[in-house]
């Protein structure tokens, strides 16, 4: 899998509301009503990660979840990263 070039990434970002590129990674910060909702969301995201065999860098503090997605093997953002972010957005719909 190859890294998406900058112009293609900008085009694909239009379909990823809530996501930005920070430090060469797809980045999103989310807040939930409480820890239980945040953890439940993380559990659903973990299932997506396992299905795609693509695992995010992420953190949780009480009701907040921070997600960074990058392909370490490819050295940047790939189509699989964009697919992952899109699937995360669908979990929030």
N, C-alpha and C. Protein backbone atom coordinates (compact mmCIF):
# COMPACT_ATOMS: atom_id res chain seq x y z
N UNK A 1 0.84 -1.17 0.00
CA UNK A 1 0.00 0.00 0.00
C UNK A 1 0.89 1.24 0.00
N UNK A 2 0.53 2.22 -0.83
CA UNK A 2 1.38 3.40 -0.94
C UNK A 2 0.71 4.62 -0.29
N UNK A 3 1.55 5.56 0.07
CA UNK A 3 1.11 6.80 0.70
C UNK A 3 0.34 7.64 -0.33
N UNK A 4 -0.75 8.26 0.12
CA UNK A 4 -1.55 9.13 -0.75
C UNK A 4 -0.82 10.45 -0.91
N UNK A 5 -0.73 10.94 -2.15
CA UNK A 5 -0.06 12.24 -2.35
C UNK A 5 -0.95 13.36 -1.79
N UNK A 6 -0.34 14.51 -1.56
CA UNK A 6 -1.00 15.62 -0.88
C UNK A 6 -2.29 16.07 -1.55
N UNK A 7 -2.30 16.21 -2.86
CA UNK A 7 -3.50 16.69 -3.54
C UNK A 7 -4.64 15.67 -3.43
N UNK A 8 -4.33 14.39 -3.55
CA UNK A 8 -5.35 13.35 -3.41
C UNK A 8 -5.85 13.29 -1.97
N UNK A 9 -4.95 13.46 -1.01
CA UNK A 9 -5.35 13.45 0.40
C UNK A 9 -6.32 14.60 0.67
N UNK A 10 -6.02 15.79 0.16
CA UNK A 10 -6.92 16.93 0.36
C UNK A 10 -8.30 16.65 -0.24
N UNK A 11 -8.33 16.01 -1.38
CA UNK A 11 -9.60 15.65 -2.01
C UNK A 11 -10.37 14.67 -1.13
N UNK A 12 -9.68 13.65 -0.64
CA UNK A 12 -10.35 12.63 0.17
C UNK A 12 -10.78 13.17 1.54
N UNK A 13 -10.08 14.17 2.06
CA UNK A 13 -10.43 14.75 3.35
C UNK A 13 -11.80 15.42 3.32
N UNK A 14 -12.25 15.83 2.16
CA UNK A 14 -13.57 16.45 2.04
C UNK A 14 -14.69 15.49 2.45
N UNK A 15 -14.43 14.21 2.33
CA UNK A 15 -15.42 13.19 2.69
C UNK A 15 -15.23 12.69 4.13
N UNK A 16 -14.34 13.35 4.89
CA UNK A 16 -14.07 12.93 6.27
C UNK A 16 -14.33 14.06 7.26
N UNK A 17 -15.59 14.45 7.44
CA UNK A 17 -15.86 15.53 8.38
C UNK A 17 -15.35 15.19 9.79
N UNK A 18 -14.78 16.18 10.44
CA UNK A 18 -14.27 16.00 11.80
C UNK A 18 -12.81 15.61 11.87
N UNK A 19 -12.24 15.20 10.75
CA UNK A 19 -10.84 14.76 10.71
C UNK A 19 -9.95 15.88 10.17
N UNK A 20 -8.73 15.94 10.69
CA UNK A 20 -7.70 16.84 10.18
C UNK A 20 -6.43 16.02 9.99
N UNK A 21 -5.44 16.64 9.41
CA UNK A 21 -4.12 16.01 9.33
C UNK A 21 -3.21 16.75 10.29
N UNK A 22 -2.67 16.01 11.26
CA UNK A 22 -1.77 16.58 12.27
C UNK A 22 -0.54 15.69 12.34
N UNK A 23 0.60 16.28 12.08
CA UNK A 23 1.84 15.50 12.18
C UNK A 23 1.89 14.33 11.22
N UNK A 24 1.27 14.49 10.04
CA UNK A 24 1.28 13.42 9.04
C UNK A 24 0.34 12.27 9.32
N UNK A 25 -0.62 12.48 10.24
CA UNK A 25 -1.58 11.45 10.59
C UNK A 25 -2.99 12.01 10.49
N UNK A 26 -3.97 11.15 10.17
CA UNK A 26 -5.36 11.55 10.29
C UNK A 26 -5.66 11.66 11.78
N UNK A 27 -6.29 12.76 12.18
CA UNK A 27 -6.46 13.07 13.60
C UNK A 27 -7.90 13.47 13.88
N UNK A 28 -8.44 12.95 14.98
CA UNK A 28 -9.78 13.34 15.42
C UNK A 28 -9.84 13.29 16.93
N UNK A 29 -10.49 14.29 17.51
CA UNK A 29 -10.73 14.34 18.94
C UNK A 29 -12.23 14.34 19.18
N UNK A 30 -12.68 13.48 20.08
CA UNK A 30 -14.10 13.31 20.34
C UNK A 30 -14.39 13.44 21.83
N UNK A 31 -15.57 13.93 22.16
CA UNK A 31 -16.02 14.00 23.55
C UNK A 31 -17.38 13.32 23.65
N UNK A 32 -17.54 12.56 24.70
CA UNK A 32 -18.78 11.82 24.94
C UNK A 32 -19.38 12.27 26.27
N UNK A 33 -20.56 11.80 26.58
CA UNK A 33 -21.24 12.21 27.80
C UNK A 33 -20.49 11.76 29.06
N UNK A 34 -19.82 10.60 28.97
CA UNK A 34 -19.14 10.07 30.15
C UNK A 34 -18.12 9.00 29.71
N UNK A 35 -17.44 8.45 30.68
CA UNK A 35 -16.42 7.44 30.40
C UNK A 35 -17.01 6.20 29.74
N UNK A 36 -18.17 5.77 30.21
CA UNK A 36 -18.78 4.56 29.67
C UNK A 36 -19.07 4.70 28.17
N UNK A 37 -19.60 5.84 27.75
CA UNK A 37 -19.85 6.06 26.32
C UNK A 37 -18.55 6.10 25.53
N UNK A 38 -17.54 6.76 26.08
CA UNK A 38 -16.24 6.84 25.39
C UNK A 38 -15.64 5.45 25.24
N UNK A 39 -15.69 4.66 26.30
CA UNK A 39 -15.11 3.32 26.25
C UNK A 39 -15.90 2.41 25.31
N UNK A 40 -17.22 2.54 25.31
CA UNK A 40 -18.04 1.76 24.38
C UNK A 40 -17.69 2.07 22.94
N UNK A 41 -17.50 3.35 22.65
CA UNK A 41 -17.10 3.77 21.30
C UNK A 41 -15.75 3.16 20.95
N UNK A 42 -14.81 3.20 21.88
CA UNK A 42 -13.48 2.63 21.62
C UNK A 42 -13.57 1.13 21.33
N UNK A 43 -14.47 0.46 22.01
CA UNK A 43 -14.65 -0.97 21.76
C UNK A 43 -15.13 -1.21 20.33
N UNK A 44 -16.07 -0.39 19.87
CA UNK A 44 -16.56 -0.53 18.49
C UNK A 44 -15.45 -0.22 17.48
N UNK A 45 -14.64 0.79 17.77
CA UNK A 45 -13.51 1.13 16.89
C UNK A 45 -12.49 -0.01 16.88
N UNK A 46 -12.28 -0.63 18.02
CA UNK A 46 -11.33 -1.75 18.09
C UNK A 46 -11.76 -2.89 17.17
N UNK A 47 -13.07 -3.13 17.06
CA UNK A 47 -13.56 -4.16 16.16
C UNK A 47 -13.26 -3.81 14.70
N UNK A 48 -13.40 -2.53 14.35
CA UNK A 48 -13.05 -2.07 12.99
C UNK A 48 -11.55 -2.28 12.76
N UNK A 49 -10.74 -1.92 13.74
CA UNK A 49 -9.29 -2.06 13.62
C UNK A 49 -8.90 -3.51 13.37
N UNK A 50 -9.51 -4.41 14.09
CA UNK A 50 -9.20 -5.83 13.91
C UNK A 50 -9.63 -6.31 12.52
N UNK A 51 -10.81 -5.88 12.08
CA UNK A 51 -11.30 -6.30 10.77
C UNK A 51 -10.37 -5.81 9.65
N UNK A 52 -9.89 -4.58 9.78
CA UNK A 52 -9.01 -4.01 8.75
C UNK A 52 -7.54 -4.38 8.96
N UNK A 53 -7.24 -4.97 10.12
CA UNK A 53 -5.85 -5.22 10.51
C UNK A 53 -5.02 -3.94 10.38
N UNK A 54 -5.60 -2.86 10.91
CA UNK A 54 -4.99 -1.53 10.86
C UNK A 54 -5.35 -0.85 12.17
N UNK A 55 -4.36 -0.60 13.00
CA UNK A 55 -4.62 -0.20 14.38
C UNK A 55 -4.20 1.24 14.63
N UNK A 56 -5.09 2.04 15.23
CA UNK A 56 -4.78 3.45 15.44
C UNK A 56 -3.87 3.67 16.63
N UNK A 57 -3.26 4.85 16.64
CA UNK A 57 -2.64 5.38 17.86
C UNK A 57 -3.77 6.18 18.50
N UNK A 58 -4.11 5.86 19.74
CA UNK A 58 -5.22 6.57 20.35
C UNK A 58 -5.08 6.63 21.85
N UNK A 59 -5.90 7.51 22.45
CA UNK A 59 -5.89 7.64 23.90
C UNK A 59 -7.28 7.99 24.38
N UNK A 60 -7.49 7.76 25.67
CA UNK A 60 -8.77 8.03 26.31
C UNK A 60 -8.49 8.66 27.66
N UNK A 61 -9.21 9.73 27.96
CA UNK A 61 -9.18 10.33 29.29
C UNK A 61 -10.62 10.70 29.64
N UNK A 62 -11.17 9.99 30.57
CA UNK A 62 -12.56 10.08 31.00
C UNK A 62 -13.50 10.04 29.81
N UNK A 63 -14.04 11.18 29.36
CA UNK A 63 -15.02 11.18 28.27
C UNK A 63 -14.42 11.55 26.92
N UNK A 64 -13.11 11.70 26.85
CA UNK A 64 -12.46 12.13 25.62
C UNK A 64 -11.69 10.97 24.96
N UNK A 65 -11.77 10.92 23.64
CA UNK A 65 -11.03 9.94 22.86
C UNK A 65 -10.28 10.70 21.77
N UNK A 66 -8.99 10.44 21.64
CA UNK A 66 -8.17 11.04 20.59
C UNK A 66 -7.66 9.90 19.72
N UNK A 67 -7.87 10.04 18.40
CA UNK A 67 -7.48 8.99 17.45
C UNK A 67 -6.53 9.58 16.42
N UNK A 68 -5.42 8.88 16.18
CA UNK A 68 -4.49 9.20 15.10
C UNK A 68 -4.32 7.95 14.26
N UNK A 69 -4.47 8.12 12.94
CA UNK A 69 -4.36 6.98 12.03
C UNK A 69 -3.27 7.26 11.01
N UNK A 70 -2.34 6.33 10.89
CA UNK A 70 -1.26 6.41 9.90
C UNK A 70 -0.80 4.99 9.63
N UNK A 71 -0.29 4.77 8.45
CA UNK A 71 0.29 3.47 8.13
C UNK A 71 1.79 3.55 8.41
N UNK A 72 2.20 2.97 9.51
CA UNK A 72 3.62 3.01 9.87
C UNK A 72 4.46 2.28 8.83
N UNK A 73 3.93 1.17 8.30
CA UNK A 73 4.66 0.40 7.29
C UNK A 73 4.92 1.21 6.02
N UNK A 74 3.90 1.96 5.58
CA UNK A 74 4.03 2.74 4.34
C UNK A 74 4.69 4.09 4.59
N UNK A 75 4.69 4.54 5.83
CA UNK A 75 5.33 5.81 6.16
C UNK A 75 4.44 7.03 5.93
N UNK A 76 3.12 6.85 6.05
CA UNK A 76 2.21 7.98 5.87
C UNK A 76 0.77 7.52 5.80
N UNK A 77 -0.08 8.41 5.29
CA UNK A 77 -1.51 8.13 5.19
C UNK A 77 -1.79 7.40 3.88
N UNK A 78 -2.49 6.29 3.98
CA UNK A 78 -2.83 5.46 2.82
C UNK A 78 -4.34 5.39 2.66
N UNK A 79 -4.79 4.75 1.58
CA UNK A 79 -6.23 4.56 1.38
C UNK A 79 -6.85 3.78 2.54
N UNK A 80 -6.10 2.87 3.12
CA UNK A 80 -6.63 2.09 4.24
C UNK A 80 -6.87 3.00 5.46
N UNK A 81 -6.02 4.00 5.64
CA UNK A 81 -6.22 4.97 6.73
C UNK A 81 -7.51 5.75 6.51
N UNK A 82 -7.73 6.18 5.27
CA UNK A 82 -8.94 6.93 4.93
C UNK A 82 -10.17 6.04 5.14
N UNK A 83 -10.09 4.80 4.73
CA UNK A 83 -11.19 3.85 4.93
C UNK A 83 -11.49 3.70 6.42
N UNK A 84 -10.44 3.57 7.22
CA UNK A 84 -10.60 3.44 8.67
C UNK A 84 -11.33 4.66 9.23
N UNK A 85 -10.87 5.85 8.87
CA UNK A 85 -11.50 7.09 9.37
C UNK A 85 -12.97 7.16 8.94
N UNK A 86 -13.25 6.76 7.72
CA UNK A 86 -14.62 6.76 7.23
C UNK A 86 -15.50 5.81 8.05
N UNK A 87 -14.97 4.65 8.38
CA UNK A 87 -15.72 3.68 9.19
C UNK A 87 -15.94 4.20 10.61
N UNK A 88 -14.96 4.92 11.15
CA UNK A 88 -15.15 5.54 12.47
C UNK A 88 -16.30 6.54 12.40
N UNK A 89 -16.33 7.36 11.35
CA UNK A 89 -17.41 8.33 11.22
C UNK A 89 -18.77 7.63 11.15
N UNK A 90 -18.84 6.50 10.48
CA UNK A 90 -20.11 5.76 10.39
C UNK A 90 -20.56 5.27 11.75
N UNK A 91 -19.61 4.95 12.64
CA UNK A 91 -19.97 4.52 14.00
C UNK A 91 -20.61 5.67 14.78
N UNK A 92 -20.30 6.89 14.39
CA UNK A 92 -20.81 8.07 15.09
C UNK A 92 -22.15 8.54 14.55
N UNK A 93 -22.55 7.99 13.41
CA UNK A 93 -23.80 8.46 12.75
C UNK A 93 -25.03 7.97 13.48
